[in-house]
């Protein structure tokens, strides 16, 4: 399955379907990248939130 995808994505000028696969692959990569960026931000948010909770607990 993967080999077929690679073969069709290599020759984009021959037919429209291969460029479709290329575009879909590129779009999937962008979506995945955005997802990882969001998750990294969320992890940082959680760390800071936990720290603030600890500080509040110490003050009281």
N, C-alpha and C. Protein backbone atom coordinates (compact mmCIF):
# COMPACT_ATOMS: atom_id res chain seq x y z
N UNK A 1 0.83 -1.20 0.00
CA UNK A 1 0.00 0.00 0.00
C UNK A 1 0.87 1.26 0.00
N UNK A 2 1.84 1.32 0.89
CA UNK A 2 2.70 2.50 0.96
C UNK A 2 3.54 2.65 -0.30
N UNK A 3 4.01 1.52 -0.83
CA UNK A 3 4.82 1.60 -2.04
C UNK A 3 4.02 2.20 -3.19
N UNK A 4 2.76 1.80 -3.33
CA UNK A 4 1.92 2.37 -4.38
C UNK A 4 1.77 3.87 -4.21
N UNK A 5 1.56 4.30 -2.98
CA UNK A 5 1.40 5.73 -2.73
C UNK A 5 2.67 6.48 -3.15
N UNK A 6 3.83 5.94 -2.80
CA UNK A 6 5.08 6.61 -3.14
C UNK A 6 5.25 6.68 -4.65
N UNK A 7 4.91 5.61 -5.34
CA UNK A 7 5.07 5.59 -6.79
C UNK A 7 4.17 6.64 -7.43
N UNK A 8 2.93 6.73 -6.95
CA UNK A 8 2.00 7.68 -7.57
C UNK A 8 2.36 9.12 -7.22
N UNK A 9 2.97 9.35 -6.07
CA UNK A 9 3.28 10.74 -5.71
C UNK A 9 4.52 11.25 -6.43
N UNK A 10 5.36 10.35 -6.92
CA UNK A 10 6.60 10.81 -7.55
C UNK A 10 6.35 11.51 -8.88
N UNK A 11 5.47 10.98 -9.71
CA UNK A 11 5.23 11.62 -11.01
C UNK A 11 3.93 12.41 -10.95
N UNK A 12 4.07 13.69 -10.59
CA UNK A 12 2.87 14.50 -10.39
C UNK A 12 2.32 15.02 -11.72
N UNK A 13 3.18 15.24 -12.72
CA UNK A 13 2.72 15.87 -13.95
C UNK A 13 1.96 14.92 -14.86
N UNK A 14 2.11 13.62 -14.66
CA UNK A 14 1.50 12.65 -15.58
C UNK A 14 -0.02 12.66 -15.48
N UNK A 15 -0.57 12.60 -14.26
CA UNK A 15 -2.02 12.57 -14.13
C UNK A 15 -2.45 13.27 -12.86
N UNK A 16 -3.70 13.68 -12.80
CA UNK A 16 -4.19 14.47 -11.68
C UNK A 16 -4.25 13.71 -10.38
N UNK A 17 -4.43 12.40 -10.45
CA UNK A 17 -4.62 11.64 -9.21
C UNK A 17 -3.35 11.67 -8.36
N UNK A 18 -2.19 11.64 -8.99
CA UNK A 18 -0.96 11.64 -8.21
C UNK A 18 -0.78 12.97 -7.48
N UNK A 19 -1.12 14.08 -8.15
CA UNK A 19 -0.99 15.36 -7.47
C UNK A 19 -1.99 15.43 -6.32
N UNK A 20 -3.14 14.76 -6.49
CA UNK A 20 -4.12 14.70 -5.39
C UNK A 20 -3.50 14.03 -4.18
N UNK A 21 -2.78 12.92 -4.42
CA UNK A 21 -2.15 12.21 -3.30
C UNK A 21 -1.09 13.09 -2.64
N UNK A 22 -0.34 13.82 -3.47
CA UNK A 22 0.69 14.70 -2.93
C UNK A 22 0.06 15.77 -2.05
N UNK A 23 -1.01 16.39 -2.55
CA UNK A 23 -1.67 17.45 -1.77
C UNK A 23 -2.21 16.89 -0.47
N UNK A 24 -2.82 15.70 -0.54
CA UNK A 24 -3.39 15.11 0.66
C UNK A 24 -2.29 14.80 1.67
N UNK A 25 -1.16 14.29 1.18
CA UNK A 25 -0.04 13.98 2.07
C UNK A 25 0.47 15.25 2.74
N UNK A 26 0.62 16.31 1.94
CA UNK A 26 1.12 17.57 2.47
C UNK A 26 0.16 18.13 3.52
N UNK A 27 -1.15 18.06 3.21
CA UNK A 27 -2.16 18.58 4.13
C UNK A 27 -2.13 17.78 5.44
N UNK A 28 -2.00 16.46 5.34
CA UNK A 28 -1.94 15.63 6.54
C UNK A 28 -0.74 16.00 7.39
N UNK A 29 0.40 16.27 6.74
CA UNK A 29 1.60 16.65 7.49
C UNK A 29 1.38 17.96 8.23
N UNK A 30 0.72 18.93 7.57
CA UNK A 30 0.46 20.22 8.21
C UNK A 30 -0.46 20.05 9.40
N UNK A 31 -1.50 19.23 9.22
CA UNK A 31 -2.45 19.01 10.31
C UNK A 31 -1.75 18.36 11.49
N UNK A 32 -0.90 17.38 11.20
CA UNK A 32 -0.17 16.68 12.26
C UNK A 32 0.75 17.65 13.00
N UNK A 33 1.43 18.51 12.23
CA UNK A 33 2.34 19.46 12.84
C UNK A 33 1.59 20.41 13.77
N UNK A 34 0.44 20.92 13.29
CA UNK A 34 -0.36 21.82 14.11
C UNK A 34 -0.82 21.12 15.38
N UNK A 35 -1.19 19.86 15.24
CA UNK A 35 -1.66 19.09 16.40
C UNK A 35 -0.55 19.00 17.45
N UNK A 36 0.68 18.71 17.00
CA UNK A 36 1.79 18.58 17.96
C UNK A 36 2.10 19.93 18.61
N UNK A 37 1.99 21.02 17.83
CA UNK A 37 2.23 22.35 18.41
C UNK A 37 1.20 22.65 19.49
N UNK A 38 -0.07 22.33 19.20
CA UNK A 38 -1.12 22.57 20.19
C UNK A 38 -0.86 21.75 21.44
N UNK A 39 -0.47 20.50 21.27
CA UNK A 39 -0.24 19.64 22.43
C UNK A 39 0.92 20.16 23.27
N UNK A 40 1.96 20.67 22.62
CA UNK A 40 3.10 21.22 23.36
C UNK A 40 2.65 22.43 24.17
N UNK A 41 1.84 23.30 23.56
CA UNK A 41 1.32 24.47 24.28
C UNK A 41 0.48 24.02 25.46
N UNK A 42 -0.33 23.02 25.26
CA UNK A 42 -1.21 22.54 26.32
C UNK A 42 -0.40 21.96 27.47
N UNK A 43 0.66 21.22 27.14
CA UNK A 43 1.53 20.67 28.19
C UNK A 43 2.13 21.79 29.03
N UNK A 44 2.59 22.85 28.35
CA UNK A 44 3.18 23.97 29.07
C UNK A 44 2.13 24.64 29.95
N UNK A 45 0.92 24.80 29.42
CA UNK A 45 -0.17 25.39 30.20
C UNK A 45 -0.43 24.57 31.46
N UNK A 46 -0.47 23.24 31.30
CA UNK A 46 -0.73 22.38 32.47
C UNK A 46 0.36 22.55 33.53
N UNK A 47 1.62 22.61 33.10
CA UNK A 47 2.71 22.78 34.05
C UNK A 47 2.53 24.07 34.85
N UNK A 48 2.28 25.16 34.12
CA UNK A 48 2.12 26.45 34.79
C UNK A 48 0.91 26.45 35.72
N UNK A 49 -0.15 25.83 35.28
CA UNK A 49 -1.38 25.77 36.08
C UNK A 49 -1.13 25.02 37.39
N UNK A 50 -0.43 23.90 37.29
CA UNK A 50 -0.12 23.12 38.49
C UNK A 50 0.77 23.91 39.44
N UNK A 51 1.74 24.64 38.87
CA UNK A 51 2.61 25.47 39.71
C UNK A 51 1.80 26.53 40.45
N UNK A 52 0.88 27.17 39.74
CA UNK A 52 0.08 28.22 40.37
C UNK A 52 -0.80 27.63 41.48
N UNK A 53 -1.32 26.42 41.26
CA UNK A 53 -2.12 25.78 42.30
C UNK A 53 -1.28 25.51 43.54
N UNK A 54 -0.03 25.06 43.34
CA UNK A 54 0.85 24.80 44.47
C UNK A 54 1.13 26.08 45.24
N UNK A 55 1.36 27.18 44.51
CA UNK A 55 1.64 28.46 45.16
C UNK A 55 0.44 28.92 45.97
N UNK A 56 -0.75 28.78 45.40
CA UNK A 56 -1.97 29.16 46.12
C UNK A 56 -2.12 28.34 47.39
N UNK A 57 -1.83 27.06 47.31
CA UNK A 57 -1.95 26.18 48.48
C UNK A 57 -0.96 26.60 49.57
N UNK A 58 0.26 27.01 49.17
CA UNK A 58 1.26 27.43 50.15
C UNK A 58 0.83 28.71 50.86
N UNK A 59 0.22 29.64 50.11
CA UNK A 59 -0.19 30.92 50.71
C UNK A 59 -1.27 30.70 51.76
N UNK A 60 -2.15 29.76 51.55
CA UNK A 60 -3.24 29.55 52.50
C UNK A 60 -2.83 28.65 53.62
